[in-house]
Amino acid sequence: MFAGVEAARAFSRQVMVYNFQQIVEAKPPALEYSVASKVFCTETAFRVASQAIQIFGGNGLSREYAIEKIFRDARASMIQDGINETLAIGAASRL
């Protein structure tokens, strides 16, 4: 779980640095990298939250523990700002 979160953070930061460099060079940001980062990070967050629910067992679904909200937010992030599948298809056409 730790390795997945750190990989998602590193990917997200690298895409941010790359797109910032594109802007500095007066080029448009690379949308396909941003979409890939969003899809990877949200799917990682959902997978890690799901694994955490497994660890907590039945308690993971109760509102007494923060993992319930984290799981709910991770699932919602896969839908917000465009569904991951649709974004991936759109970004793939730019490659």
PDB file of N, CA and C in Angstrom:
ATOM      1  N   MET A   1       0.838  -1.179   0.000  1.00  0.00           N
ATOM      2  CA  MET A   1       0.000   0.000   0.000  1.00  0.00           C
ATOM      3  C   MET A   1       0.887   1.248   0.000  1.00  0.00           C
ATOM      4  N   PHE A   2       1.924   1.227   0.820  1.00  0.00           N
ATOM      5  CA  PHE A   2       2.834   2.371   0.894  1.00  0.00           C
ATOM      6  C   PHE A   2       3.515   2.620  -0.443  1.00  0.00           C
ATOM      7  N   ALA A   3       3.989   1.552  -1.065  1.00  0.00           N
ATOM      8  CA  ALA A   3       4.689   1.686  -2.339  1.00  0.00           C
ATOM      9  C   ALA A   3       3.761   2.236  -3.418  1.00  0.00           C
ATOM     10  N   GLY A   4       2.523   1.795  -3.426  1.00  0.00           N
ATOM     11  CA  GLY A   4       1.560   2.303  -4.406  1.00  0.00           C
ATOM     12  C   GLY A   4       1.288   3.789  -4.243  1.00  0.00           C
ATOM     13  N   VAL A   5       1.113   4.212  -2.997  1.00  0.00           N
ATOM     14  CA  VAL A   5       0.863   5.635  -2.729  1.00  0.00           C
ATOM     15  C   VAL A   5       2.074   6.469  -3.121  1.00  0.00           C
ATOM     16  N   GLU A   6       3.262   6.008  -2.779  1.00  0.00           N
ATOM     17  CA  GLU A   6       4.468   6.766  -3.122  1.00  0.00           C
ATOM     18  C   GLU A   6       4.694   6.813  -4.630  1.00  0.00           C
ATOM     19  N   ALA A   7       4.390   5.734  -5.344  1.00  0.00           N
ATOM     20  CA  ALA A   7       4.513   5.728  -6.800  1.00  0.00           C
ATOM     21  C   ALA A   7       3.535   6.720  -7.424  1.00  0.00           C
ATOM     22  N   ALA A   8       2.315   6.760  -6.908  1.00  0.00           N
ATOM     23  CA  ALA A   8       1.322   7.706  -7.424  1.00  0.00           C
ATOM     24  C   ALA A   8       1.757   9.138  -7.154  1.00  0.00           C
ATOM     25  N   ARG A   9       2.289   9.409  -5.962  1.00  0.00           N
ATOM     26  CA  ARG A   9       2.783  10.754  -5.648  1.00  0.00           C
ATOM     27  C   ARG A   9       3.918  11.159  -6.571  1.00  0.00           C
ATOM     28  N   ALA A  10       4.859  10.254  -6.777  1.00  0.00           N
ATOM     29  CA  ALA A  10       6.006  10.558  -7.627  1.00  0.00           C
ATOM     30  C   ALA A  10       5.566  10.832  -9.061  1.00  0.00           C
ATOM     31  N   PHE A  11       4.648  10.026  -9.564  1.00  0.00           N
ATOM     32  CA  PHE A  11       4.142  10.213 -10.922  1.00  0.00           C
ATOM     33  C   PHE A  11       3.431  11.553 -11.049  1.00  0.00           C
ATOM     34  N   SER A  12       2.590  11.855 -10.087  1.00  0.00           N
ATOM     35  CA  SER A  12       1.852  13.111 -10.111  1.00  0.00           C
ATOM     36  C   SER A  12       2.798  14.307 -10.083  1.00  0.00           C
ATOM     37  N   ARG A  13       3.790  14.252  -9.219  1.00  0.00           N
ATOM     38  CA  ARG A  13       4.751  15.357  -9.127  1.00  0.00           C
ATOM     39  C   ARG A  13       5.580  15.491 -10.398  1.00  0.00           C
ATOM     40  N   GLN A  14       5.961  14.371 -10.977  1.00  0.00           N
ATOM     41  CA  GLN A  14       6.751  14.416 -12.203  1.00  0.00           C
ATOM     42  C   GLN A  14       5.949  15.022 -13.350  1.00  0.00           C
ATOM     43  N   VAL A  15       4.682  14.694 -13.444  1.00  0.00           N
ATOM     44  CA  VAL A  15       3.826  15.276 -14.476  1.00  0.00           C
ATOM     45  C   VAL A  15       3.679  16.775 -14.247  1.00  0.00           C
ATOM     46  N   MET A  16       3.545  17.189 -12.985  1.00  0.00           N
ATOM     47  CA  MET A  16       3.447  18.615 -12.679  1.00  0.00           C
ATOM     48  C   MET A  16       4.720  19.345 -13.123  1.00  0.00           C
ATOM     49  N   VAL A  17       5.874  18.796 -12.811  1.00  0.00           N
ATOM     50  CA  VAL A  17       7.141  19.415 -13.191  1.00  0.00           C
ATOM     51  C   VAL A  17       7.264  19.469 -14.712  1.00  0.00           C
ATOM     52  N   TYR A  18       6.902  18.387 -15.379  1.00  0.00           N
ATOM     53  CA  TYR A  18       6.985  18.344 -16.842  1.00  0.00           C
ATOM     54  C   TYR A  18       6.076  19.394 -17.470  1.00  0.00           C
ATOM     55  N   ASN A  19       4.840  19.475 -17.011  1.00  0.00           N
ATOM     56  CA  ASN A  19       3.916  20.448 -17.584  1.00  0.00           C
ATOM     57  C   ASN A  19       4.329  21.880 -17.256  1.00  0.00           C
ATOM     58  N   PHE A  20       4.893  22.102 -16.080  1.00  0.00           N
ATOM     59  CA  PHE A  20       5.396  23.429 -15.746  1.00  0.00           C
ATOM     60  C   PHE A  20       6.530  23.810 -16.692  1.00  0.00           C
ATOM     61  N   GLN A  21       7.400  22.858 -16.973  1.00  0.00           N
ATOM     62  CA  GLN A  21       8.501  23.112 -17.910  1.00  0.00           C
ATOM     63  C   GLN A  21       7.967  23.411 -19.303  1.00  0.00           C
ATOM     64  N   GLN A  22       6.906  22.734 -19.705  1.00  0.00           N
ATOM     65  CA  GLN A  22       6.289  23.007 -21.002  1.00  0.00           C
ATOM     66  C   GLN A  22       5.790  24.447 -21.061  1.00  0.00           C
ATOM     67  N   ILE A  23       5.177  24.906 -19.983  1.00  0.00           N
ATOM     68  CA  ILE A  23       4.653  26.272 -19.937  1.00  0.00           C
ATOM     69  C   ILE A  23       5.796  27.281 -19.981  1.00  0.00           C
ATOM     70  N   VAL A  24       6.886  27.001 -19.261  1.00  0.00           N
ATOM     71  CA  VAL A  24       8.046  27.889 -19.263  1.00  0.00           C
ATOM     72  C   VAL A  24       8.618  28.011 -20.669  1.00  0.00           C
ATOM     73  N   GLU A  25       8.596  26.930 -21.418  1.00  0.00           N
ATOM     74  CA  GLU A  25       9.106  26.927 -22.795  1.00  0.00           C
ATOM     75  C   GLU A  25       8.065  27.408 -23.794  1.00  0.00           C
ATOM     76  N   ALA A  26       6.956  27.964 -23.306  1.00  0.00           N
ATOM     77  CA  ALA A  26       5.876  28.510 -24.135  1.00  0.00           C
ATOM     78  C   ALA A  26       5.233  27.442 -25.018  1.00  0.00           C
ATOM     79  N   LYS A  27       5.166  26.233 -24.498  1.00  0.00           N
ATOM     80  CA  LYS A  27       4.485  25.133 -25.185  1.00  0.00           C
ATOM     81  C   LYS A  27       3.238  24.791 -24.386  1.00  0.00           C
ATOM     82  N   PRO A  28       2.228  24.216 -25.037  1.00  0.00           N
ATOM     83  CA  PRO A  28       1.033  23.823 -24.273  1.00  0.00           C
ATOM     84  C   PRO A  28       1.341  22.626 -23.378  1.00  0.00           C
ATOM     85  N   PRO A  29       0.696  22.554 -22.203  1.00  0.00           N
ATOM     86  CA  PRO A  29       0.918  21.399 -21.328  1.00  0.00           C
ATOM     87  C   PRO A  29       0.465  20.106 -21.994  1.00  0.00           C
ATOM     88  N   ALA A  30       1.099  19.026 -21.631  1.00  0.00           N
ATOM     89  CA  ALA A  30       0.783  17.717 -22.205  1.00  0.00           C
ATOM     90  C   ALA A  30      -0.433  17.137 -21.484  1.00  0.00           C
ATOM     91  N   LEU A  31      -1.568  17.239 -22.114  1.00  0.00           N
ATOM     92  CA  LEU A  31      -2.822  16.791 -21.520  1.00  0.00           C
ATOM     93  C   LEU A  31      -2.823  15.287 -21.259  1.00  0.00           C
ATOM     94  N   GLU A  32      -2.236  14.520 -22.163  1.00  0.00           N
ATOM     95  CA  GLU A  32      -2.253  13.059 -22.007  1.00  0.00           C
ATOM     96  C   GLU A  32      -1.506  12.620 -20.746  1.00  0.00           C
ATOM     97  N   TYR A  33      -0.448  13.320 -20.370  1.00  0.00           N
ATOM     98  CA  TYR A  33       0.268  12.998 -19.141  1.00  0.00           C
ATOM     99  C   TYR A  33      -0.574  13.337 -17.918  1.00  0.00           C
ATOM    100  N   SER A  34      -1.264  14.452 -17.980  1.00  0.00           N
ATOM    101  CA  SER A  34      -2.129  14.842 -16.860  1.00  0.00           C
ATOM    102  C   SER A  34      -3.256  13.838 -16.667  1.00  0.00           C
ATOM    103  N   VAL A  35      -3.849  13.399 -17.756  1.00  0.00           N
ATOM    104  CA  VAL A  35      -4.926  12.417 -17.673  1.00  0.00           C
ATOM    105  C   VAL A  35      -4.388  11.090 -17.146  1.00  0.00           C
ATOM    106  N   ALA A  36      -3.233  10.673 -17.634  1.00  0.00           N
ATOM    107  CA  ALA A  36      -2.634   9.425 -17.157  1.00  0.00           C
ATOM    108  C   ALA A  36      -2.355   9.504 -15.665  1.00  0.00           C
ATOM    109  N   SER A  37      -1.894  10.648 -15.208  1.00  0.00           N
ATOM    110  CA  SER A  37      -1.630  10.835 -13.786  1.00  0.00           C
ATOM    111  C   SER A  37      -2.914  10.760 -12.975  1.00  0.00           C
ATOM    112  N   LYS A  38      -3.970  11.415 -13.457  1.00  0.00           N
ATOM    113  CA  LYS A  38      -5.258  11.402 -12.734  1.00  0.00           C
ATOM    114  C   LYS A  38      -5.806   9.988 -12.642  1.00  0.00           C
ATOM    115  N   VAL A  39      -5.777   9.270 -13.750  1.00  0.00           N
ATOM    116  CA  VAL A  39      -6.301   7.912 -13.784  1.00  0.00           C
ATOM    117  C   VAL A  39      -5.484   7.005 -12.866  1.00  0.00           C
ATOM    118  N   PHE A  40      -4.167   7.077 -12.967  1.00  0.00           N
ATOM    119  CA  PHE A  40      -3.304   6.226 -12.135  1.00  0.00           C
ATOM    120  C   PHE A  40      -3.473   6.530 -10.653  1.00  0.00           C
ATOM    121  N   CYS A  41      -3.474   7.807 -10.314  1.00  0.00           N
ATOM    122  CA  CYS A  41      -3.564   8.194  -8.895  1.00  0.00           C
ATOM    123  C   CYS A  41      -4.910   7.842  -8.287  1.00  0.00           C
ATOM    124  N   THR A  42      -6.003   8.057  -9.007  1.00  0.00           N
ATOM    125  CA  THR A  42      -7.316   7.735  -8.441  1.00  0.00           C
ATOM    126  C   THR A  42      -7.521   6.235  -8.326  1.00  0.00           C
ATOM    127  N   GLU A  43      -7.035   5.474  -9.303  1.00  0.00           N
ATOM    128  CA  GLU A  43      -7.161   4.019  -9.207  1.00  0.00           C
ATOM    129  C   GLU A  43      -6.283   3.467  -8.079  1.00  0.00           C
ATOM    130  N   THR A  44      -5.120   4.057  -7.881  1.00  0.00           N
ATOM    131  CA  THR A  44      -4.262   3.648  -6.771  1.00  0.00           C
ATOM    132  C   THR A  44      -4.924   3.965  -5.442  1.00  0.00           C
ATOM    133  N   ALA A  45      -5.500   5.165  -5.330  1.00  0.00           N
ATOM    134  CA  ALA A  45      -6.177   5.552  -4.091  1.00  0.00           C
ATOM    135  C   ALA A  45      -7.329   4.598  -3.779  1.00  0.00           C
ATOM    136  N   PHE A  46      -8.102   4.224  -4.791  1.00  0.00           N
ATOM    137  CA  PHE A  46      -9.218   3.312  -4.582  1.00  0.00           C
ATOM    138  C   PHE A  46      -8.730   1.927  -4.171  1.00  0.00           C
ATOM    139  N   ARG A  47      -7.675   1.452  -4.832  1.00  0.00           N
ATOM    140  CA  ARG A  47      -7.132   0.127  -4.506  1.00  0.00           C
ATOM    141  C   ARG A  47      -6.578   0.090  -3.077  1.00  0.00           C
ATOM    142  N   VAL A  48      -5.852   1.131  -2.694  1.00  0.00           N
ATOM    143  CA  VAL A  48      -5.270   1.190  -1.344  1.00  0.00           C
ATOM    144  C   VAL A  48      -6.375   1.311  -0.294  1.00  0.00           C
ATOM    145  N   ALA A  49      -7.387   2.138  -0.565  1.00  0.00           N
ATOM    146  CA  ALA A  49      -8.500   2.277   0.385  1.00  0.00           C
ATOM    147  C   ALA A  49      -9.257   0.958   0.508  1.00  0.00           C
ATOM    148  N   SER A  50      -9.410   0.236  -0.588  1.00  0.00           N
ATOM    149  CA  SER A  50     -10.080  -1.061  -0.551  1.00  0.00           C
ATOM    150  C   SER A  50      -9.281  -2.062   0.284  1.00  0.00           C
ATOM    151  N   GLN A  51      -7.965  -2.038   0.146  1.00  0.00           N
ATOM    152  CA  GLN A  51      -7.114  -2.916   0.951  1.00  0.00           C
ATOM    153  C   GLN A  51      -7.192  -2.546   2.431  1.00  0.00           C
ATOM    154  N   ALA A  52      -7.290  -1.259   2.711  1.00  0.00           N
ATOM    155  CA  ALA A  52      -7.415  -0.814   4.103  1.00  0.00           C
ATOM    156  C   ALA A  52      -8.743  -1.274   4.693  1.00  0.00           C
ATOM    157  N   ILE A  53      -9.812  -1.259   3.891  1.00  0.00           N
ATOM    158  CA  ILE A  53     -11.111  -1.767   4.350  1.00  0.00           C
ATOM    159  C   ILE A  53     -10.975  -3.248   4.708  1.00  0.00           C
ATOM    160  N   GLN A  54     -10.212  -4.006   3.906  1.00  0.00           N
ATOM    161  CA  GLN A  54      -9.980  -5.423   4.196  1.00  0.00           C
ATOM    162  C   GLN A  54      -9.304  -5.588   5.553  1.00  0.00           C
ATOM    163  N   ILE A  55      -8.337  -4.727   5.836  1.00  0.00           N
ATOM    164  CA  ILE A  55      -7.608  -4.813   7.103  1.00  0.00           C
ATOM    165  C   ILE A  55      -8.536  -4.521   8.276  1.00  0.00           C
ATOM    166  N   PHE A  56      -9.382  -3.499   8.137  1.00  0.00           N
ATOM    167  CA  PHE A  56     -10.290  -3.115   9.213  1.00  0.00           C
ATOM    168  C   PHE A  56     -11.457  -4.087   9.366  1.00  0.00           C
ATOM    169  N   GLY A  57     -11.730  -4.854   8.331  1.00  0.00           N
ATOM    170  CA  GLY A  57     -12.861  -5.786   8.386  1.00  0.00           C
ATOM    171  C   GLY A  57     -14.180  -5.038   8.412  1.00  0.00           C
ATOM    172  N   GLY A  58     -15.142  -5.534   9.150  1.00  0.00           N
ATOM    173  CA  GLY A  58     -16.462  -4.912   9.231  1.00  0.00           C
ATOM    174  C   GLY A  58     -16.423  -3.518   9.824  1.00  0.00           C
ATOM    175  N   ASN A  59     -15.453  -3.245  10.678  1.00  0.00           N
ATOM    176  CA  ASN A  59     -15.331  -1.912  11.261  1.00  0.00           C
ATOM    177  C   ASN A  59     -14.986  -0.858  10.216  1.00  0.00           C
ATOM    178  N   GLY A  60     -14.362  -1.270   9.138  1.00  0.00           N
ATOM    179  CA  GLY A  60     -13.974  -0.322   8.094  1.00  0.00           C
ATOM    180  C   GLY A  60     -15.140   0.347   7.419  1.00  0.00           C
ATOM    181  N   LEU A  61     -16.318  -0.239   7.530  1.00  0.00           N
ATOM    182  CA  LEU A  61     -17.506   0.339   6.900  1.00  0.00           C
ATOM    183  C   LEU A  61     -18.296   1.239   7.838  1.00  0.00           C
ATOM    184  N   SER A  62     -17.920   1.289   9.100  1.00  0.00           N
ATOM    185  CA  SER A  62     -18.647   2.136  10.042  1.00  0.00           C
ATOM    186  C   SER A  62     -18.070   3.549  10.025  1.00  0.00           C
ATOM    187  N   ARG A  63     -18.913   4.505  10.346  1.00  0.00           N
ATOM    188  CA  ARG A  63     -18.479   5.904  10.318  1.00  0.00           C
ATOM    189  C   ARG A  63     -17.568   6.269  11.477  1.00  0.00           C
ATOM    190  N   GLU A  64     -17.330   5.352  12.387  1.00  0.00           N
ATOM    191  CA  GLU A  64     -16.441   5.611  13.518  1.00  0.00           C
ATOM    192  C   GLU A  64     -14.985   5.714  13.078  1.00  0.00           C
ATOM    193  N   TYR A  65     -14.645   5.084  11.957  1.00  0.00           N
ATOM    194  CA  TYR A  65     -13.272   5.060  11.478  1.00  0.00           C
ATOM    195  C   TYR A  65     -13.143   5.910  10.220  1.00  0.00           C
ATOM    196  N   ALA A  66     -12.010   6.581  10.098  1.00  0.00           N
ATOM    197  CA  ALA A  66     -11.779   7.490   8.964  1.00  0.00           C
ATOM    198  C   ALA A  66     -11.711   6.750   7.631  1.00  0.00           C
ATOM    199  N   ILE A  67     -11.403   5.473   7.655  1.00  0.00           N
ATOM    200  CA  ILE A  67     -11.238   4.741   6.400  1.00  0.00           C
ATOM    201  C   ILE A  67     -12.526   4.698   5.591  1.00  0.00           C
ATOM    202  N   GLU A  68     -13.660   4.743   6.252  1.00  0.00           N
ATOM    203  CA  GLU A  68     -14.943   4.747   5.534  1.00  0.00           C
ATOM    204  C   GLU A  68     -15.037   5.973   4.630  1.00  0.00           C
ATOM    205  N   LYS A  69     -14.653   7.135   5.137  1.00  0.00           N
ATOM    206  CA  LYS A  69     -14.692   8.362   4.353  1.00  0.00           C
ATOM    207  C   LYS A  69     -13.619   8.345   3.269  1.00  0.00           C
ATOM    208  N   ILE A  70     -12.453   7.844   3.598  1.00  0.00           N
ATOM    209  CA  ILE A  70     -11.373   7.764   2.612  1.00  0.00           C
ATOM    210  C   ILE A  70     -11.792   6.883   1.445  1.00  0.00           C
ATOM    211  N   PHE A  71     -12.416   5.743   1.744  1.00  0.00           N
ATOM    212  CA  PHE A  71     -12.881   4.838   0.694  1.00  0.00           C
ATOM    213  C   PHE A  71     -13.939   5.512  -0.176  1.00  0.00           C
ATOM    214  N   ARG A  72     -14.878   6.183   0.465  1.00  0.00           N
ATOM    215  CA  ARG A  72     -15.940   6.877  -0.265  1.00  0.00           C
ATOM    216  C   ARG A  72     -15.352   7.977  -1.158  1.00  0.00           C
ATOM    217  N   ASP A  73     -14.415   8.751  -0.621  1.00  0.00           N
ATOM    218  CA  ASP A  73     -13.791   9.829  -1.389  1.00  0.00           C
ATOM    219  C   ASP A  73     -12.951   9.286  -2.543  1.00  0.00           C
ATOM    220  N   ALA A  74     -12.265   8.159  -2.310  1.00  0.00           N
ATOM    221  CA  ALA A  74     -11.455   7.563  -3.368  1.00  0.00           C
ATOM    222  C   ALA A  74     -12.334   7.111  -4.525  1.00  0.00           C
ATOM    223  N   ARG A  75     -13.475   6.538  -4.207  1.00  0.00           N
ATOM    224  CA  ARG A  75     -14.395   6.104  -5.272  1.00  0.00           C
ATOM    225  C   ARG A  75     -14.972   7.304  -6.008  1.00  0.00           C
ATOM    226  N   ALA A  76     -15.317   8.348  -5.269  1.00  0.00           N
ATOM    227  CA  ALA A  76     -15.876   9.545  -5.908  1.00  0.00           C
ATOM    228  C   ALA A  76     -14.845  10.222  -6.802  1.00  0.00           C
ATOM    229  N   SER A  77     -13.574  10.171  -6.427  1.00  0.00           N
ATOM    230  CA  SER A  77     -12.538  10.820  -7.237  1.00  0.00           C
ATOM    231  C   SER A  77     -12.360  10.148  -8.588  1.00  0.00           C
ATOM    232  N   MET A  78     -12.753   8.886  -8.696  1.00  0.00           N
ATOM    233  CA  MET A  78     -12.677   8.200  -9.981  1.00  0.00           C
ATOM    234  C   MET A  78     -13.758   8.683 -10.939  1.00  0.00           C
ATOM    235  N   ILE A  79     -14.769   9.354 -10.414  1.00  0.00           N
ATOM    236  CA  ILE A  79     -15.881   9.830 -11.228  1.00  0.00           C
ATOM    237  C   ILE A  79     -15.775  11.334 -11.480  1.00  0.00           C
ATOM    238  N   GLN A  80     -15.326  12.075 -10.467  1.00  0.00           N
ATOM    239  CA  GLN A  80     -15.223  13.529 -10.587  1.00  0.00           C
ATOM    240  C   GLN A  80     -14.243  13.917 -11.683  1.00  0.00           C
ATOM    241  N   ASP A  81     -14.486  15.049 -12.305  1.00  0.00           N
ATOM    242  CA  ASP A  81     -13.640  15.595 -13.375  1.00  0.00           C
ATOM    243  C   ASP A  81     -13.531  14.642 -14.559  1.00  0.00           C
ATOM    244  N   GLY A  82     -14.494  13.793 -14.750  1.00  0.00           N
ATOM    245  CA  GLY A  82     -14.509  12.857 -15.862  1.00  0.00           C
ATOM    246  C   GLY A  82     -14.240  11.445 -15.393  1.00  0.00           C
ATOM    247  N   ILE A  83     -15.023  10.527 -15.899  1.00  0.00           N
ATOM    248  CA  ILE A  83     -14.849   9.122 -15.547  1.00  0.00           C
ATOM    249  C   ILE A  83     -13.515   8.635 -16.111  1.00  0.00           C
ATOM    250  N   ASN A  84     -12.783   7.863 -15.327  1.00  0.00           N
ATOM    251  CA  ASN A  84     -11.448   7.422 -15.725  1.00  0.00           C
ATOM    252  C   ASN A  84     -11.420   6.739 -17.085  1.00  0.00           C
ATOM    253  N   GLU A  85     -12.379   5.890 -17.354  1.00  0.00           N
ATOM    254  CA  GLU A  85     -12.387   5.167 -18.622  1.00  0.00           C
ATOM    255  C   GLU A  85     -12.537   6.131 -19.805  1.00  0.00           C
ATOM    256  N   THR A  86     -13.418   7.091 -19.677  1.00  0.00           N
ATOM    257  CA  THR A  86     -13.636   8.062 -20.747  1.00  0.00           C
ATOM    258  C   THR A  86     -12.400   8.940 -20.936  1.00  0.00           C
ATOM    259  N   LEU A  87     -11.808   9.382 -19.836  1.00  0.00           N
ATOM    260  CA  LEU A  87     -10.594  10.194 -19.931  1.00  0.00           C
ATOM    261  C   LEU A  87      -9.460   9.410 -20.587  1.00  0.00           C
ATOM    262  N   ALA A  88      -9.323   8.145 -20.227  1.00  0.00           N
ATOM    263  CA  ALA A  88      -8.259   7.320 -20.790  1.00  0.00           C
ATOM    264  C   ALA A  88      -8.421   7.148 -22.293  1.00  0.00           C
ATOM    265  N   ILE A  89      -9.638   6.942 -22.732  1.00  0.00           N
ATOM    266  CA  ILE A  89      -9.890   6.799 -24.175  1.00  0.00           C
ATOM    267  C   ILE A  89      -9.579   8.093 -24.902  1.00  0.00           C
ATOM    268  N   GLY A  90     -10.008   9.218 -24.324  1.00  0.00           N
ATOM    269  CA  GLY A  90      -9.718  10.512 -24.941  1.00  0.00           C
ATOM    270  C   GLY A  90      -8.238  10.813 -24.985  1.00  0.00           C
ATOM    271  N   ALA A  91      -7.513  10.489 -23.936  1.00  0.00           N
ATOM    272  CA  ALA A  91      -6.068  10.749 -23.903  1.00  0.00           C
ATOM    273  C   ALA A  91      -5.340   9.816 -24.851  1.00  0.00           C
ATOM    274  N   ALA A  92      -5.832   8.590 -24.998  1.00  0.00           N
ATOM    275  CA  ALA A  92      -5.182   7.638 -25.890  1.00  0.00           C
ATOM    276  C   ALA A  92      -5.233   8.114 -27.344  1.00  0.00           C
ATOM    277  N   SER A  93      -6.293   8.826 -27.685  1.00  0.00           N
ATOM    278  CA  SER A  93      -6.394   9.324 -29.065  1.00  0.00           C
ATOM    279  C   SER A  93      -5.377  10.427 -29.343  1.00  0.00           C
ATOM    280  N   ARG A  94      -4.820  11.041 -28.301  1.00  0.00           N
ATOM    281  CA  ARG A  94      -3.816  12.088 -28.467  1.00  0.00           C
ATOM    282  C   ARG A  94      -2.401  11.520 -28.602  1.00  0.00           C
ATOM    283  N   LEU A  95      -2.248  10.242 -28.301  1.00  0.00           N
ATOM    284  CA  LEU A  95      -0.891   9.646 -28.361  1.00  0.00           C
ATOM    285  C   LEU A  95      -0.504   9.312 -29.772  1.00  0.00           C
TER     286      LEU A  95
END
